[in-house]
Protein backbone atom coordinates (compact mmCIF):
# COMPACT_ATOMS: atom_id res chain seq x y z
CA MET A 1 78.26 22.76 -0.02
CA LYS A 2 75.03 24.71 -0.47
CA LYS A 3 74.68 23.34 -4.01
CA LEU A 4 75.23 19.80 -2.75
CA THR A 5 72.45 20.20 -0.12
CA ILE A 6 69.97 21.46 -2.70
CA PHE A 7 70.92 18.58 -5.01
CA MET A 8 70.35 15.98 -2.24
CA LEU A 9 66.92 17.48 -1.39
CA LEU A 10 65.85 17.28 -5.02
CA ILE A 11 66.75 13.58 -5.05
CA LEU A 12 64.95 12.77 -1.79
CA LEU A 13 61.77 14.82 -2.41
CA PRO A 14 60.11 12.31 -4.82
CA LEU A 15 60.84 9.48 -2.43
CA ILE A 16 59.27 11.35 0.51
CA SER A 17 56.15 12.41 -1.43
CA CYS A 18 55.45 8.84 -2.62
CA LYS A 19 55.62 7.25 0.81
CA ARG A 20 52.23 6.05 2.22
CA ASP A 21 50.90 3.83 4.96
CA GLU A 22 49.66 0.40 3.86
CA VAL A 23 45.91 -0.06 4.56
CA ALA A 24 44.45 -3.56 4.56
CA GLU A 25 41.55 -3.97 2.13
CA PRO A 26 38.32 -5.43 3.59
CA PRO A 27 37.65 -9.06 2.70
CA LEU A 28 35.23 -9.70 -0.16
CA SER A 29 33.38 -12.41 1.78
CA GLY A 30 32.51 -10.38 4.88
CA PRO A 31 28.97 -9.31 5.88
CA SER A 32 27.56 -6.19 4.26
CA THR A 33 26.59 -3.32 6.52
CA LEU A 34 23.61 -2.71 4.20
CA SER A 35 22.16 -6.22 4.54
CA TYR A 36 18.62 -6.57 5.85
CA ILE A 37 16.56 -9.72 6.15
CA LEU A 38 12.78 -10.06 5.96
CA GLU A 39 11.28 -13.45 6.72
CA GLY A 40 7.77 -14.66 7.49
CA SER A 41 5.42 -17.55 8.11
CA ALA A 42 1.72 -18.36 8.25
CA ASN A 43 -0.26 -20.43 10.73
CA PRO A 44 -2.10 -22.31 9.36
CA THR A 45 -0.76 -22.51 5.82
CA ILE A 46 -3.97 -24.15 4.57
CA VAL A 47 -7.06 -21.94 4.72
CA LEU A 48 -10.56 -23.23 4.02
CA VAL A 49 -12.70 -21.27 1.55
CA GLY A 50 -16.37 -21.78 2.39
CA MET A 51 -19.55 -19.95 3.20
CA GLU A 52 -17.78 -18.11 6.04
CA ARG A 53 -14.46 -16.30 5.94
CA ASN A 54 -11.56 -18.06 7.60
CA THR A 55 -8.25 -16.60 8.71
CA THR A 56 -4.56 -17.31 9.09
CA GLN A 57 -2.00 -15.56 11.31
CA ILE A 58 0.93 -13.98 9.47
CA ARG A 59 4.17 -13.34 11.34
CA VAL A 60 7.03 -11.39 9.79
CA ARG A 61 10.42 -10.45 11.23
CA PHE A 62 12.73 -7.70 9.93
CA TYR A 63 16.36 -7.50 11.09
CA ASP A 64 19.86 -6.64 9.92
CA TYR A 65 22.80 -8.95 9.15
CA THR A 66 23.92 -8.94 12.81
CA GLY A 67 20.49 -10.14 14.00
CA LYS A 68 19.52 -6.76 15.39
CA PRO A 69 15.75 -6.17 14.97
CA ILE A 70 14.58 -3.19 12.94
CA SER A 71 11.76 -1.50 14.81
CA GLY A 72 9.22 0.99 13.44
CA ALA A 73 9.75 -0.12 9.83
CA PRO A 74 6.73 0.05 7.49
CA ILE A 75 5.93 -3.33 5.97
CA TYR A 76 3.36 -3.55 3.18
CA PHE A 77 1.25 -6.68 2.78
CA GLU A 78 -0.54 -7.80 -0.39
CA THR A 79 -1.64 -10.99 -2.14
CA LEU A 80 -0.13 -12.55 -5.28
CA TRP A 81 -1.09 -15.51 -7.44
CA THR A 82 -0.33 -17.46 -10.56
CA TYR A 83 -3.27 -18.82 -12.48
CA THR A 84 -4.58 -20.64 -15.53
CA LEU A 85 -7.39 -18.88 -17.38
CA VAL A 86 -9.67 -20.89 -19.67
CA THR A 87 -11.97 -18.97 -22.01
CA LYS A 88 -14.86 -20.99 -23.40
CA THR A 89 -17.01 -19.60 -26.21
CA ALA A 90 -20.50 -21.12 -26.38
CA ASP A 91 -23.37 -20.65 -28.80
CA LYS A 92 -26.94 -19.87 -27.77
CA TYR A 93 -27.57 -23.56 -27.17
CA GLY A 94 -24.65 -23.82 -24.71
CA ASN A 95 -22.39 -25.76 -27.05
CA VAL A 96 -18.70 -24.85 -26.69
CA VAL A 97 -17.43 -23.81 -30.12
CA LYS A 98 -13.99 -22.49 -29.07
CA GLU A 99 -11.69 -22.80 -26.07
CA LYS A 100 -8.48 -20.94 -25.18
CA THR A 101 -6.06 -21.46 -22.27
CA GLU A 102 -3.69 -18.81 -20.91
CA THR A 103 -1.43 -18.53 -17.87
CA GLY A 104 -0.60 -15.42 -15.88
CA GLY A 105 0.10 -13.98 -12.48
CA GLY A 106 0.55 -10.85 -10.42
CA ARG A 107 -1.27 -9.05 -7.65
CA ALA A 108 -4.42 -10.89 -6.68
CA ASP A 109 -6.37 -8.50 -4.43
CA PHE A 110 -7.95 -11.59 -2.91
CA GLY A 111 -9.11 -11.72 0.69
CA ASN A 112 -8.03 -8.82 2.89
CA PHE A 113 -5.87 -7.41 5.68
CA ASP A 114 -8.15 -5.56 8.10
CA GLY A 115 -10.53 -4.94 5.21
CA TYR A 116 -7.87 -3.77 2.72
CA TYR A 117 -6.26 -5.48 -0.27
CA VAL A 118 -2.94 -3.76 0.57
CA LYS A 119 -2.16 -2.72 4.12
CA GLU A 120 0.81 -1.09 5.87
CA PHE A 121 1.89 -2.29 9.31
CA TYR A 122 4.91 -1.30 11.43
CA THR A 123 7.41 -3.60 13.10
CA ASP A 124 7.43 -3.67 16.89
CA ALA A 125 10.43 -3.21 19.19
CA ASN A 126 11.60 -6.76 18.39
CA GLY A 127 11.25 -6.29 14.62
CA TYR A 128 8.04 -8.33 14.33
CA VAL A 129 4.72 -7.74 12.62
CA ASN A 130 1.82 -10.01 13.57
CA ILE A 131 -1.31 -9.62 11.43
CA THR A 132 -4.39 -11.55 10.37
CA TYR A 133 -5.13 -12.44 6.77
CA THR A 134 -8.82 -13.06 6.06
CA ALA A 135 -9.41 -15.44 3.16
CA PRO A 136 -12.21 -14.99 0.60
CA ASP A 137 -15.57 -16.61 1.19
CA TYR A 138 -17.68 -18.48 -1.37
CA GLU A 139 -19.09 -15.32 -2.95
CA GLU A 140 -15.75 -13.53 -3.40
CA TYR A 141 -14.04 -16.69 -4.65
CA CYS A 142 -16.70 -17.24 -7.31
CA HIS A 143 -16.69 -13.59 -8.32
CA LYS A 144 -12.94 -13.73 -8.99
CA THR A 145 -12.75 -17.15 -10.64
CA VAL A 146 -15.82 -17.44 -12.90
CA TRP A 147 -17.38 -14.65 -14.97
CA TYR A 148 -19.27 -14.19 -18.24
CA SER A 149 -19.13 -11.73 -21.10
CA GLY A 150 -22.17 -10.37 -22.90
CA PHE A 151 -23.65 -11.88 -26.04
CA TYR A 152 -22.08 -11.07 -29.41
CA GLY A 153 -22.05 -12.43 -32.95
CA PRO A 154 -24.86 -12.93 -35.48
CA PRO A 155 -28.39 -12.36 -34.13
CA ASP A 156 -29.55 -15.79 -35.21
CA ASN A 157 -26.85 -17.54 -33.18
CA PRO A 158 -25.09 -15.21 -30.69
CA TYR A 159 -22.02 -16.31 -28.73
CA ARG A 160 -21.07 -15.85 -25.12
CA ASP A 161 -17.68 -16.20 -23.42
CA VAL A 162 -17.22 -17.89 -20.06
CA TYR A 163 -13.95 -17.20 -18.20
CA ILE A 164 -12.84 -19.79 -15.67
CA LEU A 165 -9.76 -18.96 -13.62
CA SER A 166 -8.03 -21.66 -11.59
CA ILE A 167 -5.45 -20.62 -8.99
CA ASP A 168 -2.15 -22.44 -9.45
CA SER A 169 -0.30 -20.81 -6.55
CA PHE A 170 -1.19 -18.18 -3.98
CA PHE A 171 1.12 -16.05 -1.81
CA ILE A 172 1.11 -13.28 0.72
CA ARG A 173 3.93 -10.85 0.03
CA ALA A 174 5.50 -8.64 2.69
CA ARG A 175 7.52 -5.73 1.32
CA TRP A 176 9.80 -3.14 2.89
CA ALA A 177 10.78 -0.08 0.88
CA SER A 178 13.76 2.08 1.84
CA PRO A 179 13.53 5.88 2.19
CA PRO A 180 12.73 7.86 -1.00
CA ASN A 181 16.39 8.62 -1.75
CA SER A 182 17.17 4.91 -2.11
CA ASN A 183 15.80 2.26 -4.45
CA MET A 184 16.27 -0.67 -2.08
CA GLN A 185 13.27 -2.97 -1.61
CA ILE A 186 13.13 -6.28 0.24
CA TYR A 187 10.43 -8.89 -0.32
CA CYS A 188 9.25 -11.93 1.55
CA VAL A 189 6.65 -14.31 0.07
CA ILE A 190 4.58 -16.67 2.23
CA PRO A 191 2.80 -19.52 0.40
CA ILE A 192 -0.86 -20.08 1.33
CA HIS A 193 -3.06 -22.91 0.08
CA LEU A 194 -6.72 -21.98 -0.33
CA GLU A 195 -8.72 -25.18 0.16
CA VAL A 196 -12.07 -24.87 -1.62
CA SER A 197 -14.87 -26.64 0.27
CA PHE A 198 -17.50 -26.56 -2.49
CA PRO A 199 -17.72 -27.83 -6.10
CA TRP A 200 -15.66 -25.74 -8.50
CA PRO A 201 -16.08 -24.08 -10.96
CA CYS A 202 -19.13 -22.60 -9.34
CA ALA A 203 -22.15 -20.72 -10.55
CA CYS A 204 -21.81 -17.22 -9.20
CA PRO A 205 -24.80 -15.34 -7.82
């Protein structure tokens, strides 16, 4: 009888050890607990560039997937653009002897946020940041869009390059970066149209 009991236990032991409770897997389409949303707007979206500096009000909201605002979060603001750059090479008489066109983009450092090209602001209790962007004036616009190189080439007929940059698109970017132990970054881009109120290209002072 004792042998029979031991034999029955040996048969049942694998069955007992393999038994487990069924756990339902989470659905693939559900909201992520790591989801954050950063959205923004500008008012007005068209800013006049003239002899005086004009402004637009930037409003950004930061919240999680449930709609709960994220307060006290650092949001970095900077300017971006895409552009077309035309390089004209002229001789000493002002005749254009060569012309090259390139396109590019990246950080613009154009205008300012409280006097800075890049500025950090913190979200309020409702997850909002309200700031003022100050557009460039005539002098800054010219300085960034038209410039000249020095003379080079043979002494009897030196050449000079003129660089003319036209802005194809211009944005304000808001960026939130997660703590140092995470690589998560969230961006929000806000299109701004800079309306030039003087003839362009311009002769810079």
